[in-house]
Amino acid sequence: MNATASKVVLITGASAGLGAAVARELAGRGHRLALVARRADLLERVAEEIRSRGGTAACLPDDLADPGAPARIVEAVSRHFGTLDVLINNAGIGLPDFFGRSDPDALRRQVEVNLTAPLVLARLALPMLIESKGIVVNIGSGIVRLPNPSLGAYGATKAGLSYWTDALRRELRHLGVRVCLVELGPVETEFFDAVGRLEGGDRGLLGPTPAGFVYNAMRDRPPGLMMAPLSEAARRIAGLVDAPRPLLAVSRRVIWPVRLAGAFFGLLPVLADLAVSGMIRRVDRERPGPVPRRPEAPGTPPSPSPSPAEEEGASPQVMASRSDSR
């Protein structure tokens, strides 16, 4: 595949945040885009912006938590473009809360969107990607290096995505398909603003540090110096379409210290356990949350799911040390 040729790129989570920024960056480089997100109105707005600048963008609104979505999306890409050169698995949901307070249905949705959908999309798109000797880009998270209980389920999905990325890269190497993992740190997107709209958002997880309180990595959003500019993250991720590589850290100034800290605590896990446990006790003492919700009995109508702190344009990478988009 010619690195300078116009490619057909499928981007999930493209209605806002990082996904939309990557779409704009790739359109500016002449690539043709298939855009996926749940919010059709916002998705069409991004596509119209790209078209107004002379680019090509097809809107494929769908909900990746629906098991039938990947098949519909791949069929639509084949119908619109006849081929696929690049799959960017960017969509992600982050529900910042401790596991014992999490809604079981919301946990399942996180797994569907963050892990199941990327696997199934790639599997269904594989014939086209093999034919074009294409590229798969998976948006992971630096949180897997230093686990944070306030995003435990989210981190588990990203750890699974990381493992599968390595396995898939080795499986497809001899077929000419390149597979890339983006190890993403905090990015300046809408994720942290969305946290305040969560059901139970009064718990304060991943919001601003409350007035009069000391910063707590289990409760507060990362400080500004840890946040990568959205334009920088989009530019570097878009660069993988023309120059793929196995692993990309965004940004290095955050990811490398987290890798080192993760390695250190891996050797002395008791120190990490003590430190994190102390921070969680502070959260409970300073602002106790409600008792855990009991899972509903089989056959009872499900309670309304919380609105996730979801960036359909960004995997919400929240570093474990403070521990974004999708």
C-alpha atoms as a PDB file:
ATOM      1  CA  MET A   1       0.000   0.000   0.000  1.00  0.00           C
ATOM      2  CA  ASN A   2       1.436   3.348  -1.072  1.00  0.00           C
ATOM      3  CA  ALA A   3       1.989   5.495   2.035  1.00  0.00           C
ATOM      4  CA  THR A   4       1.246   8.690   0.116  1.00  0.00           C
ATOM      5  CA  ALA A   5      -1.928   7.462  -1.650  1.00  0.00           C
ATOM      6  CA  SER A   6      -5.420   8.387  -0.523  1.00  0.00           C
ATOM      7  CA  LYS A   7      -6.710   5.663   1.791  1.00  0.00           C
ATOM      8  CA  VAL A   8     -10.154   4.672   3.013  1.00  0.00           C
ATOM      9  CA  VAL A   9     -10.114   5.058   6.797  1.00  0.00           C
ATOM     10  CA  LEU A  10     -12.821   3.833   9.176  1.00  0.00           C
ATOM     11  CA  ILE A  11     -12.843   5.755  12.490  1.00  0.00           C
ATOM     12  CA  THR A  12     -15.095   4.824  15.395  1.00  0.00           C
ATOM     13  CA  GLY A  13     -16.067   7.393  17.982  1.00  0.00           C
ATOM     14  CA  ALA A  14     -15.738  10.184  15.424  1.00  0.00           C
ATOM     15  CA  SER A  15     -18.488  12.560  16.512  1.00  0.00           C
ATOM     16  CA  ALA A  16     -16.413  14.592  18.980  1.00  0.00           C
ATOM     17  CA  GLY A  17     -13.136  14.860  20.846  1.00  0.00           C
ATOM     18  CA  LEU A  18     -10.158  12.852  19.689  1.00  0.00           C
ATOM     19  CA  GLY A  19     -11.999  10.884  16.992  1.00  0.00           C
ATOM     20  CA  ALA A  20     -13.296  14.037  15.328  1.00  0.00           C
ATOM     21  CA  ALA A  21      -9.865  15.658  15.560  1.00  0.00           C
ATOM     22  CA  VAL A  22      -8.198  12.633  13.951  1.00  0.00           C
ATOM     23  CA  ALA A  23     -10.850  12.671  11.212  1.00  0.00           C
ATOM     24  CA  ARG A  24     -10.152  16.334  10.424  1.00  0.00           C
ATOM     25  CA  GLU A  25      -6.408  15.687  10.378  1.00  0.00           C
ATOM     26  CA  LEU A  26      -6.737  12.730   8.007  1.00  0.00           C
ATOM     27  CA  ALA A  27      -9.162  14.568   5.727  1.00  0.00           C
ATOM     28  CA  GLY A  28      -6.612  17.369   5.463  1.00  0.00           C
ATOM     29  CA  ARG A  29      -4.104  14.782   4.242  1.00  0.00           C
ATOM     30  CA  GLY A  30      -6.454  13.653   1.484  1.00  0.00           C
ATOM     31  CA  HIS A  31      -7.808  10.427   2.953  1.00  0.00           C
ATOM     32  CA  ARG A  32     -11.418   9.264   2.497  1.00  0.00           C
ATOM     33  CA  LEU A  33     -13.290   8.670   5.733  1.00  0.00           C
ATOM     34  CA  ALA A  34     -16.041   6.428   7.064  1.00  0.00           C
ATOM     35  CA  LEU A  35     -17.147   7.940  10.372  1.00  0.00           C
ATOM     36  CA  VAL A  36     -18.909   5.964  13.108  1.00  0.00           C
ATOM     37  CA  ALA A  37     -20.535   7.212  16.310  1.00  0.00           C
ATOM     38  CA  ARG A  38     -23.759   6.854  18.236  1.00  0.00           C
ATOM     39  CA  ARG A  39     -24.728  10.534  18.053  1.00  0.00           C
ATOM     40  CA  ALA A  40     -25.875  10.965  14.452  1.00  0.00           C
ATOM     41  CA  ASP A  41     -26.370  14.738  14.632  1.00  0.00           C
ATOM     42  CA  LEU A  42     -22.859  15.421  15.895  1.00  0.00           C
ATOM     43  CA  LEU A  43     -21.397  12.898  13.453  1.00  0.00           C
ATOM     44  CA  GLU A  44     -23.080  14.615  10.502  1.00  0.00           C
ATOM     45  CA  ARG A  45     -21.741  17.959  11.705  1.00  0.00           C
ATOM     46  CA  VAL A  46     -18.162  16.627  11.596  1.00  0.00           C
ATOM     47  CA  ALA A  47     -18.756  15.090   8.156  1.00  0.00           C
ATOM     48  CA  GLU A  48     -20.229  18.327   6.781  1.00  0.00           C
ATOM     49  CA  GLU A  49     -17.218  20.271   8.028  1.00  0.00           C
ATOM     50  CA  ILE A  50     -14.900  17.847   6.230  1.00  0.00           C
ATOM     51  CA  ARG A  51     -16.952  17.981   3.013  1.00  0.00           C
ATOM     52  CA  SER A  52     -17.028  21.790   3.094  1.00  0.00           C
ATOM     53  CA  ARG A  53     -13.240  21.691   2.890  1.00  0.00           C
ATOM     54  CA  GLY A  54     -13.264  19.375  -0.100  1.00  0.00           C
ATOM     55  CA  GLY A  55     -12.891  16.101   1.792  1.00  0.00           C
ATOM     56  CA  THR A  56     -14.812  12.828   1.563  1.00  0.00           C
ATOM     57  CA  ALA A  57     -16.675  11.571   4.604  1.00  0.00           C
ATOM     58  CA  ALA A  58     -19.478   8.992   4.918  1.00  0.00           C
ATOM     59  CA  CYS A  59     -21.585   8.982   8.098  1.00  0.00           C
ATOM     60  CA  LEU A  60     -22.363   5.566   9.587  1.00  0.00           C
ATOM     61  CA  PRO A  61     -24.261   6.260  12.827  1.00  0.00           C
ATOM     62  CA  ASP A  62     -24.524   3.199  15.055  1.00  0.00           C
ATOM     63  CA  ASP A  63     -24.203   2.079  18.655  1.00  0.00           C
ATOM     64  CA  LEU A  64     -21.190  -0.173  19.173  1.00  0.00           C
ATOM     65  CA  ALA A  65     -22.808  -1.641  22.274  1.00  0.00           C
ATOM     66  CA  ASP A  66     -25.266  -3.339  19.881  1.00  0.00           C
ATOM     67  CA  PRO A  67     -23.844  -6.744  18.886  1.00  0.00           C
ATOM     68  CA  GLY A  68     -25.123  -6.245  15.330  1.00  0.00           C
ATOM     69  CA  ALA A  69     -23.352  -2.913  14.817  1.00  0.00           C
ATOM     70  CA  PRO A  70     -19.961  -4.189  13.547  1.00  0.00           C
ATOM     71  CA  ALA A  71     -21.550  -6.190  10.725  1.00  0.00           C
ATOM     72  CA  ARG A  72     -23.695  -3.228   9.650  1.00  0.00           C
ATOM     73  CA  ILE A  73     -20.693  -0.902   9.700  1.00  0.00           C
ATOM     74  CA  VAL A  74     -18.379  -3.155   7.676  1.00  0.00           C
ATOM     75  CA  GLU A  75     -21.114  -3.824   5.120  1.00  0.00           C
ATOM     76  CA  ALA A  76     -21.725  -0.072   4.773  1.00  0.00           C
ATOM     77  CA  VAL A  77     -18.020   0.633   4.253  1.00  0.00           C
ATOM     78  CA  SER A  78     -17.846  -2.036   1.561  1.00  0.00           C
ATOM     79  CA  ARG A  79     -20.945  -0.586  -0.127  1.00  0.00           C
ATOM     80  CA  HIS A  80     -19.717   3.027   0.006  1.00  0.00           C
ATOM     81  CA  PHE A  81     -16.048   2.538  -0.863  1.00  0.00           C
ATOM     82  CA  GLY A  82     -15.557  -1.044  -2.026  1.00  0.00           C
ATOM     83  CA  THR A  83     -12.437  -1.378   0.133  1.00  0.00           C
ATOM     84  CA  LEU A  84     -10.885  -0.520   3.497  1.00  0.00           C
ATOM     85  CA  ASP A  85      -7.281   0.463   4.108  1.00  0.00           C
ATOM     86  CA  VAL A  86      -7.262   1.561   7.764  1.00  0.00           C
ATOM     87  CA  LEU A  87      -9.410   0.711  10.792  1.00  0.00           C
ATOM     88  CA  ILE A  88      -9.038   3.057  13.786  1.00  0.00           C
ATOM     89  CA  ASN A  89     -10.728   1.619  16.886  1.00  0.00           C
ATOM     90  CA  ASN A  90     -11.097   4.833  18.868  1.00  0.00           C
ATOM     91  CA  ALA A  91     -14.562   4.728  20.482  1.00  0.00           C
ATOM     92  CA  GLY A  92     -14.536   4.182  24.210  1.00  0.00           C
ATOM     93  CA  ILE A  93     -16.572   4.586  27.377  1.00  0.00           C
ATOM     94  CA  GLY A  94     -15.159   5.507  30.752  1.00  0.00           C
ATOM     95  CA  LEU A  95     -17.406   5.297  33.821  1.00  0.00           C
ATOM     96  CA  PRO A  96     -15.350   6.720  36.690  1.00  0.00           C
ATOM     97  CA  ASP A  97     -16.464   4.964  39.844  1.00  0.00           C
ATOM     98  CA  PHE A  98     -15.233   2.285  42.176  1.00  0.00           C
ATOM     99  CA  PHE A  99     -16.179  -1.220  41.103  1.00  0.00           C
ATOM    100  CA  GLY A 100     -18.384  -1.873  44.143  1.00  0.00           C
ATOM    101  CA  ARG A 101     -20.570   1.111  43.230  1.00  0.00           C
ATOM    102  CA  SER A 102     -20.769   0.407  39.487  1.00  0.00           C
ATOM    103  CA  ASP A 103     -23.966  -0.489  37.666  1.00  0.00           C
ATOM    104  CA  PRO A 104     -23.720  -4.030  36.201  1.00  0.00           C
ATOM    105  CA  ASP A 105     -25.382  -2.995  32.927  1.00  0.00           C
ATOM    106  CA  ALA A 106     -22.926  -0.103  32.560  1.00  0.00           C
ATOM    107  CA  LEU A 107     -20.042  -2.532  33.113  1.00  0.00           C
ATOM    108  CA  ARG A 108     -21.321  -4.745  30.295  1.00  0.00           C
ATOM    109  CA  ARG A 109     -21.665  -1.739  27.990  1.00  0.00           C
ATOM    110  CA  GLN A 110     -18.050  -0.745  28.647  1.00  0.00           C
ATOM    111  CA  VAL A 111     -16.847  -4.206  27.667  1.00  0.00           C
ATOM    112  CA  GLU A 112     -19.001  -4.222  24.511  1.00  0.00           C
ATOM    113  CA  VAL A 113     -17.832  -0.817  23.272  1.00  0.00           C
ATOM    114  CA  ASN A 114     -14.211  -0.837  24.444  1.00  0.00           C
ATOM    115  CA  LEU A 115     -13.213  -4.417  23.702  1.00  0.00           C
ATOM    116  CA  THR A 116     -15.822  -6.590  21.965  1.00  0.00           C
ATOM    117  CA  ALA A 117     -16.635  -4.119  19.186  1.00  0.00           C
ATOM    118  CA  PRO A 118     -12.984  -3.552  18.146  1.00  0.00           C
ATOM    119  CA  LEU A 119     -12.373  -7.314  17.969  1.00  0.00           C
ATOM    120  CA  VAL A 120     -15.479  -8.026  15.917  1.00  0.00           C
ATOM    121  CA  LEU A 121     -14.990  -5.010  13.637  1.00  0.00           C
ATOM    122  CA  ALA A 122     -11.439  -6.098  12.868  1.00  0.00           C
ATOM    123  CA  ARG A 123     -12.511  -9.696  12.265  1.00  0.00           C
ATOM    124  CA  LEU A 124     -15.250  -8.696   9.828  1.00  0.00           C
ATOM    125  CA  ALA A 125     -13.044  -6.141   8.072  1.00  0.00           C
ATOM    126  CA  LEU A 126     -10.072  -8.506   7.860  1.00  0.00           C
ATOM    127  CA  PRO A 127     -10.648  -9.689   4.268  1.00  0.00           C
ATOM    128  CA  MET A 128     -10.583  -6.092   3.004  1.00  0.00           C
ATOM    129  CA  LEU A 129      -7.588  -5.210   5.188  1.00  0.00           C
ATOM    130  CA  ILE A 130      -5.620  -8.237   3.949  1.00  0.00           C
ATOM    131  CA  GLU A 131      -6.444  -7.386   0.351  1.00  0.00           C
ATOM    132  CA  SER A 132      -5.282  -3.780   0.781  1.00  0.00           C
ATOM    133  CA  LYS A 133      -2.361  -4.723   3.076  1.00  0.00           C
ATOM    134  CA  GLY A 134      -3.912  -2.278   5.464  1.00  0.00           C
ATOM    135  CA  ILE A 135      -3.519  -0.992   9.001  1.00  0.00           C
ATOM    136  CA  VAL A 136      -5.356  -1.478  12.300  1.00  0.00           C
ATOM    137  CA  VAL A 137      -4.904   1.258  14.919  1.00  0.00           C
ATOM    138  CA  ASN A 138      -6.201   0.536  18.415  1.00  0.00           C
ATOM    139  CA  ILE A 139      -6.475   3.402  20.897  1.00  0.00           C
ATOM    140  CA  GLY A 140      -5.315   2.020  24.221  1.00  0.00           C
ATOM    141  CA  SER A 141      -4.503   3.697  27.510  1.00  0.00           C
ATOM    142  CA  GLY A 142      -1.520   4.251  29.755  1.00  0.00           C
ATOM    143  CA  ILE A 143      -3.765   3.326  32.673  1.00  0.00           C
ATOM    144  CA  VAL A 144      -2.893  -0.341  32.106  1.00  0.00           C
ATOM    145  CA  ARG A 145       0.628   0.371  33.390  1.00  0.00           C
ATOM    146  CA  LEU A 146      -0.567   1.612  36.785  1.00  0.00           C
ATOM    147  CA  PRO A 147      -4.072   0.345  37.694  1.00  0.00           C
ATOM    148  CA  ASN A 148      -6.499   2.822  39.225  1.00  0.00           C
ATOM    149  CA  PRO A 149      -9.615   1.566  41.063  1.00  0.00           C
ATOM    150  CA  SER A 150     -11.682   4.585  39.962  1.00  0.00           C
ATOM    151  CA  LEU A 151     -11.427   3.218  36.407  1.00  0.00           C
ATOM    152  CA  GLY A 152     -10.922  -0.467  37.132  1.00  0.00           C
ATOM    153  CA  ALA A 153     -13.341  -1.895  34.569  1.00  0.00           C
ATOM    154  CA  TYR A 154     -12.258   0.627  31.922  1.00  0.00           C
ATOM    155  CA  GLY A 155      -8.608  -0.276  32.502  1.00  0.00           C
ATOM    156  CA  ALA A 156      -9.435  -3.970  32.212  1.00  0.00           C
ATOM    157  CA  THR A 157     -10.925  -3.415  28.743  1.00  0.00           C
ATOM    158  CA  LYS A 158      -7.842  -1.456  27.676  1.00  0.00           C
ATOM    159  CA  ALA A 159      -5.521  -4.148  29.019  1.00  0.00           C
ATOM    160  CA  GLY A 160      -7.407  -6.688  26.931  1.00  0.00           C
ATOM    161  CA  LEU A 161      -7.157  -4.428  23.900  1.00  0.00           C
ATOM    162  CA  SER A 162      -3.393  -4.128  24.401  1.00  0.00           C
ATOM    163  CA  TYR A 163      -2.890  -7.893  24.643  1.00  0.00           C
ATOM    164  CA  TRP A 164      -5.018  -8.540  21.550  1.00  0.00           C
ATOM    165  CA  THR A 165      -3.167  -5.838  19.586  1.00  0.00           C
ATOM    166  CA  ASP A 166       0.161  -7.607  20.139  1.00  0.00           C
ATOM    167  CA  ALA A 167      -1.333 -10.985  19.268  1.00  0.00           C
ATOM    168  CA  LEU A 168      -3.004  -9.688  16.103  1.00  0.00           C
ATOM    169  CA  ARG A 169       0.142  -7.891  14.940  1.00  0.00           C
ATOM    170  CA  ARG A 170       2.103 -11.137  15.122  1.00  0.00           C
ATOM    171  CA  GLU A 171      -0.643 -13.106  13.384  1.00  0.00           C
ATOM    172  CA  LEU A 172      -1.005 -10.703  10.449  1.00  0.00           C
ATOM    173  CA  ARG A 173       2.599  -9.612   9.945  1.00  0.00           C
ATOM    174  CA  HIS A 174       3.304 -12.125   7.171  1.00  0.00           C
ATOM    175  CA  LEU A 175       0.124 -11.016   5.380  1.00  0.00           C
ATOM    176  CA  GLY A 176       1.306  -7.405   5.183  1.00  0.00           C
ATOM    177  CA  VAL A 177      -1.266  -5.963   7.628  1.00  0.00           C
ATOM    178  CA  ARG A 178       0.232  -3.573  10.178  1.00  0.00           C
ATOM    179  CA  VAL A 179      -1.289  -3.376  13.674  1.00  0.00           C
ATOM    180  CA  CYS A 180      -0.579  -0.414  15.953  1.00  0.00           C
ATOM    181  CA  LEU A 181      -1.344   0.375  19.587  1.00  0.00           C
ATOM    182  CA  VAL A 182      -1.621   3.966  20.801  1.00  0.00           C
ATOM    183  CA  GLU A 183      -0.780   4.176  24.494  1.00  0.00           C
ATOM    184  CA  LEU A 184      -2.759   7.294  25.274  1.00  0.00           C
ATOM    185  CA  GLY A 185      -2.431   9.545  28.289  1.00  0.00           C
ATOM    186  CA  PRO A 186      -4.785  12.354  29.356  1.00  0.00           C
ATOM    187  CA  VAL A 187      -5.911  14.481  26.408  1.00  0.00           C
ATOM    188  CA  GLU A 188      -7.686  17.840  26.467  1.00  0.00           C
ATOM    189  CA  THR A 189     -11.132  16.622  25.380  1.00  0.00           C
ATOM    190  CA  GLU A 190     -14.716  16.694  26.679  1.00  0.00           C
ATOM    191  CA  PHE A 191     -14.346  13.577  28.848  1.00  0.00           C
ATOM    192  CA  PHE A 192     -13.789  15.365  32.138  1.00  0.00           C
ATOM    193  CA  ASP A 193     -16.662  17.777  31.515  1.00  0.00           C
ATOM    194  CA  ALA A 194     -18.929  14.791  30.825  1.00  0.00           C
ATOM    195  CA  VAL A 195     -18.094  13.299  34.225  1.00  0.00           C
ATOM    196  CA  GLY A 196     -20.222  15.914  35.946  1.00  0.00           C
ATOM    197  CA  ARG A 197     -23.247  14.732  33.950  1.00  0.00           C
ATOM    198  CA  LEU A 198     -23.022  11.186  35.302  1.00  0.00           C
ATOM    199  CA  GLU A 199     -25.734   9.776  37.468  1.00  0.00           C
ATOM    200  CA  GLY A 200     -24.068   9.866  40.873  1.00  0.00           C
ATOM    201  CA  GLY A 201     -21.669  12.527  39.660  1.00  0.00           C
ATOM    202  CA  ASP A 202     -21.872  14.137  43.087  1.00  0.00           C
ATOM    203  CA  ARG A 203     -19.285  11.577  44.143  1.00  0.00           C
ATOM    204  CA  GLY A 204     -16.748  13.852  42.474  1.00  0.00           C
ATOM    205  CA  LEU A 205     -14.649  11.186  40.791  1.00  0.00           C
ATOM    206  CA  LEU A 206     -12.403  12.691  38.099  1.00  0.00           C
ATOM    207  CA  GLY A 207     -13.772  16.164  38.585  1.00  0.00           C
ATOM    208  CA  PRO A 208     -11.807  19.243  39.703  1.00  0.00           C
ATOM    209  CA  THR A 209     -10.130  19.063  43.094  1.00  0.00           C
ATOM    210  CA  PRO A 210     -12.764  20.351  45.567  1.00  0.00           C
ATOM    211  CA  ALA A 211     -11.986  23.662  47.218  1.00  0.00           C
ATOM    212  CA  GLY A 212     -10.156  23.174  50.484  1.00  0.00           C
ATOM    213  CA  PHE A 213      -9.071  19.616  49.697  1.00  0.00           C
ATOM    214  CA  VAL A 214      -5.691  18.146  48.823  1.00  0.00           C
ATOM    215  CA  TYR A 215      -5.316  16.600  45.351  1.00  0.00           C
ATOM    216  CA  ASN A 216      -6.272  12.921  45.327  1.00  0.00           C
ATOM    217  CA  ALA A 217      -5.439  10.732  42.306  1.00  0.00           C
ATOM    218  CA  MET A 218      -8.430   8.475  43.042  1.00  0.00           C
ATOM    219  CA  ARG A 219     -10.870  11.390  42.891  1.00  0.00           C
ATOM    220  CA  ASP A 220      -9.525  14.307  40.855  1.00  0.00           C
ATOM    221  CA  ARG A 221      -8.871  14.905  37.176  1.00  0.00           C
ATOM    222  CA  PRO A 222      -5.186  15.158  36.150  1.00  0.00           C
ATOM    223  CA  PRO A 223      -3.449  18.508  36.437  1.00  0.00           C
ATOM    224  CA  GLY A 224      -3.127  20.537  33.250  1.00  0.00           C
ATOM    225  CA  LEU A 225       0.582  19.817  32.799  1.00  0.00           C
ATOM    226  CA  MET A 226      -0.277  16.125  32.341  1.00  0.00           C
ATOM    227  CA  MET A 227      -2.806  16.800  29.566  1.00  0.00           C
ATOM    228  CA  ALA A 228      -1.692  16.505  25.940  1.00  0.00           C
ATOM    229  CA  PRO A 229      -3.144  19.086  23.535  1.00  0.00           C
ATOM    230  CA  LEU A 230      -5.865  17.565  21.383  1.00  0.00           C
ATOM    231  CA  SER A 231      -4.199  18.784  18.180  1.00  0.00           C
ATOM    232  CA  GLU A 232      -0.910  17.082  19.091  1.00  0.00           C
ATOM    233  CA  ALA A 233      -2.606  13.760  19.896  1.00  0.00           C
ATOM    234  CA  ALA A 234      -4.632  13.841  16.662  1.00  0.00           C
ATOM    235  CA  ARG A 235      -1.597  14.703  14.540  1.00  0.00           C
ATOM    236  CA  ARG A 236       0.507  11.887  15.952  1.00  0.00           C
ATOM    237  CA  ILE A 237      -2.254   9.288  15.655  1.00  0.00           C
ATOM    238  CA  ALA A 238      -3.013  10.362  12.081  1.00  0.00           C
ATOM    239  CA  GLY A 239       0.681   9.911  11.315  1.00  0.00           C
ATOM    240  CA  LEU A 240       0.300   6.157  11.847  1.00  0.00           C
ATOM    241  CA  VAL A 241      -1.806   5.955   8.686  1.00  0.00           C
ATOM    242  CA  ASP A 242       1.217   6.962   6.601  1.00  0.00           C
ATOM    243  CA  ALA A 243       3.961   5.540   8.835  1.00  0.00           C
ATOM    244  CA  PRO A 244       2.616   2.708  11.031  1.00  0.00           C
ATOM    245  CA  ARG A 245       4.598   1.405  13.984  1.00  0.00           C
ATOM    246  CA  PRO A 246       3.772  -1.115  16.724  1.00  0.00           C
ATOM    247  CA  LEU A 247       3.525   1.278  19.679  1.00  0.00           C
ATOM    248  CA  LEU A 248       2.946   5.030  19.933  1.00  0.00           C
ATOM    249  CA  ALA A 249       2.986   6.881  23.276  1.00  0.00           C
ATOM    250  CA  VAL A 250       0.920  10.084  23.485  1.00  0.00           C
ATOM    251  CA  SER A 251       2.336  11.953  25.160  1.00  0.00           C
ATOM    252  CA  ARG A 252       5.783  10.668  26.028  1.00  0.00           C
ATOM    253  CA  ARG A 253       6.274  13.089  28.937  1.00  0.00           C
ATOM    254  CA  VAL A 254       3.413  11.357  30.775  1.00  0.00           C
ATOM    255  CA  ILE A 255       3.534   7.785  29.486  1.00  0.00           C
ATOM    256  CA  TRP A 256       7.209   7.135  30.178  1.00  0.00           C
ATOM    257  CA  PRO A 257       7.053   8.131  33.881  1.00  0.00           C
ATOM    258  CA  VAL A 258       3.925   5.990  34.254  1.00  0.00           C
ATOM    259  CA  ARG A 259       5.715   3.037  32.652  1.00  0.00           C
ATOM    260  CA  LEU A 260       8.595   3.430  35.093  1.00  0.00           C
ATOM    261  CA  ALA A 261       6.259   3.766  38.074  1.00  0.00           C
ATOM    262  CA  GLY A 262       4.324   0.708  36.921  1.00  0.00           C
ATOM    263  CA  ALA A 263       7.526  -1.306  36.652  1.00  0.00           C
ATOM    264  CA  PHE A 264       8.624  -0.203  40.139  1.00  0.00           C
ATOM    265  CA  PHE A 265       5.306  -1.050  41.772  1.00  0.00           C
ATOM    266  CA  GLY A 266       5.257  -4.330  39.862  1.00  0.00           C
ATOM    267  CA  LEU A 267       8.361  -5.291  41.827  1.00  0.00           C
ATOM    268  CA  LEU A 268       6.910  -3.983  45.117  1.00  0.00           C
ATOM    269  CA  PRO A 269       3.125  -4.294  44.754  1.00  0.00           C
ATOM    270  CA  VAL A 270       2.513  -3.898  48.476  1.00  0.00           C
ATOM    271  CA  LEU A 271       3.651  -0.272  48.259  1.00  0.00           C
ATOM    272  CA  ALA A 272       1.129   0.461  45.494  1.00  0.00           C
ATOM    273  CA  ASP A 273      -1.608  -1.301  47.470  1.00  0.00           C
ATOM    274  CA  LEU A 274      -0.901   0.785  50.562  1.00  0.00           C
ATOM    275  CA  ALA A 275      -0.728   4.075  48.666  1.00  0.00           C
ATOM    276  CA  VAL A 276      -3.917   3.527  46.658  1.00  0.00           C
ATOM    277  CA  SER A 277      -5.827   2.149  49.627  1.00  0.00           C
ATOM    278  CA  GLY A 278      -4.898   5.254  51.607  1.00  0.00           C
ATOM    279  CA  MET A 279      -6.176   7.533  48.842  1.00  0.00           C
ATOM    280  CA  ILE A 280      -9.473   5.634  48.637  1.00  0.00           C
ATOM    281  CA  ARG A 281      -9.938   5.911  52.409  1.00  0.00           C
ATOM    282  CA  ARG A 282      -9.460   9.667  52.035  1.00  0.00           C
ATOM    283  CA  VAL A 283     -12.135   9.788  49.310  1.00  0.00           C
ATOM    284  CA  ASP A 284     -14.600   7.917  51.527  1.00  0.00           C
ATOM    285  CA  ARG A 285     -13.766  10.027  54.558  1.00  0.00           C
ATOM    286  CA  GLU A 286     -13.949  13.380  52.794  1.00  0.00           C
ATOM    287  CA  ARG A 287     -17.011  12.643  50.688  1.00  0.00           C
ATOM    288  CA  PRO A 288     -18.630   9.285  51.386  1.00  0.00           C
ATOM    289  CA  GLY A 289     -20.616   7.786  48.542  1.00  0.00           C
ATOM    290  CA  PRO A 290     -23.857   5.816  48.646  1.00  0.00           C
ATOM    291  CA  VAL A 291     -23.924   2.145  49.430  1.00  0.00           C
ATOM    292  CA  PRO A 292     -23.316  -0.161  46.463  1.00  0.00           C
ATOM    293  CA  ARG A 293     -26.331  -0.855  44.273  1.00  0.00           C
ATOM    294  CA  ARG A 294     -27.560  -4.420  44.452  1.00  0.00           C
ATOM    295  CA  PRO A 295     -27.700  -6.135  41.028  1.00  0.00           C
ATOM    296  CA  GLU A 296     -31.314  -6.577  39.924  1.00  0.00           C
ATOM    297  CA  ALA A 297     -32.853 -10.014  40.141  1.00  0.00           C
ATOM    298  CA  PRO A 298     -33.359 -11.877  36.859  1.00  0.00           C
ATOM    299  CA  GLY A 299     -36.645 -10.978  35.216  1.00  0.00           C
ATOM    300  CA  THR A 300     -36.984  -7.541  36.763  1.00  0.00           C
ATOM    301  CA  PRO A 301     -37.075  -4.505  34.458  1.00  0.00           C
ATOM    302  CA  PRO A 302     -33.613  -2.888  34.216  1.00  0.00           C
ATOM    303  CA  SER A 303     -33.120   0.457  35.867  1.00  0.00           C
ATOM    304  CA  PRO A 304     -32.066   3.340  33.598  1.00  0.00           C
ATOM    305  CA  SER A 305     -28.371   3.178  32.781  1.00  0.00           C
ATOM    306  CA  PRO A 306     -26.257   6.180  33.715  1.00  0.00           C
ATOM    307  CA  SER A 307     -25.147   8.475  30.957  1.00  0.00           C
ATOM    308  CA  PRO A 308     -21.524   7.382  30.545  1.00  0.00           C
ATOM    309  CA  ALA A 309     -18.662   9.832  30.598  1.00  0.00           C
ATOM    310  CA  GLU A 310     -18.316   8.810  27.003  1.00  0.00           C
ATOM    311  CA  GLU A 311     -16.339  10.501  24.291  1.00  0.00           C
ATOM    312  CA  GLU A 312     -17.384   9.003  21.039  1.00  0.00           C
ATOM    313  CA  GLY A 313     -14.520  11.030  19.677  1.00  0.00           C
ATOM    314  CA  ALA A 314     -11.996   9.904  22.230  1.00  0.00           C
ATOM    315  CA  SER A 315     -11.171   7.015  24.358  1.00  0.00           C
ATOM    316  CA  PRO A 316     -11.190   8.573  27.810  1.00  0.00           C
ATOM    317  CA  GLN A 317      -7.605   8.108  28.829  1.00  0.00           C
ATOM    318  CA  VAL A 318      -7.184   8.732  32.531  1.00  0.00           C
ATOM    319  CA  MET A 319      -3.739   7.978  33.828  1.00  0.00           C
ATOM    320  CA  ALA A 320      -3.454   5.663  36.771  1.00  0.00           C
ATOM    321  CA  SER A 321      -1.022   7.990  38.523  1.00  0.00           C
ATOM    322  CA  ARG A 322      -3.813  10.573  38.858  1.00  0.00           C
ATOM    323  CA  SER A 323      -5.425   7.821  37.935  1.00  0.00           C
ATOM    324  CA  ASP A 324      -8.654  10.675  28.815  1.00  0.00           C
ATOM    325  CA  SER A 325     -10.899   9.758  25.157  1.00  0.00           C
ATOM    326  CA  ARG A 326     -12.717   7.619  24.239  1.00  0.00           C
END
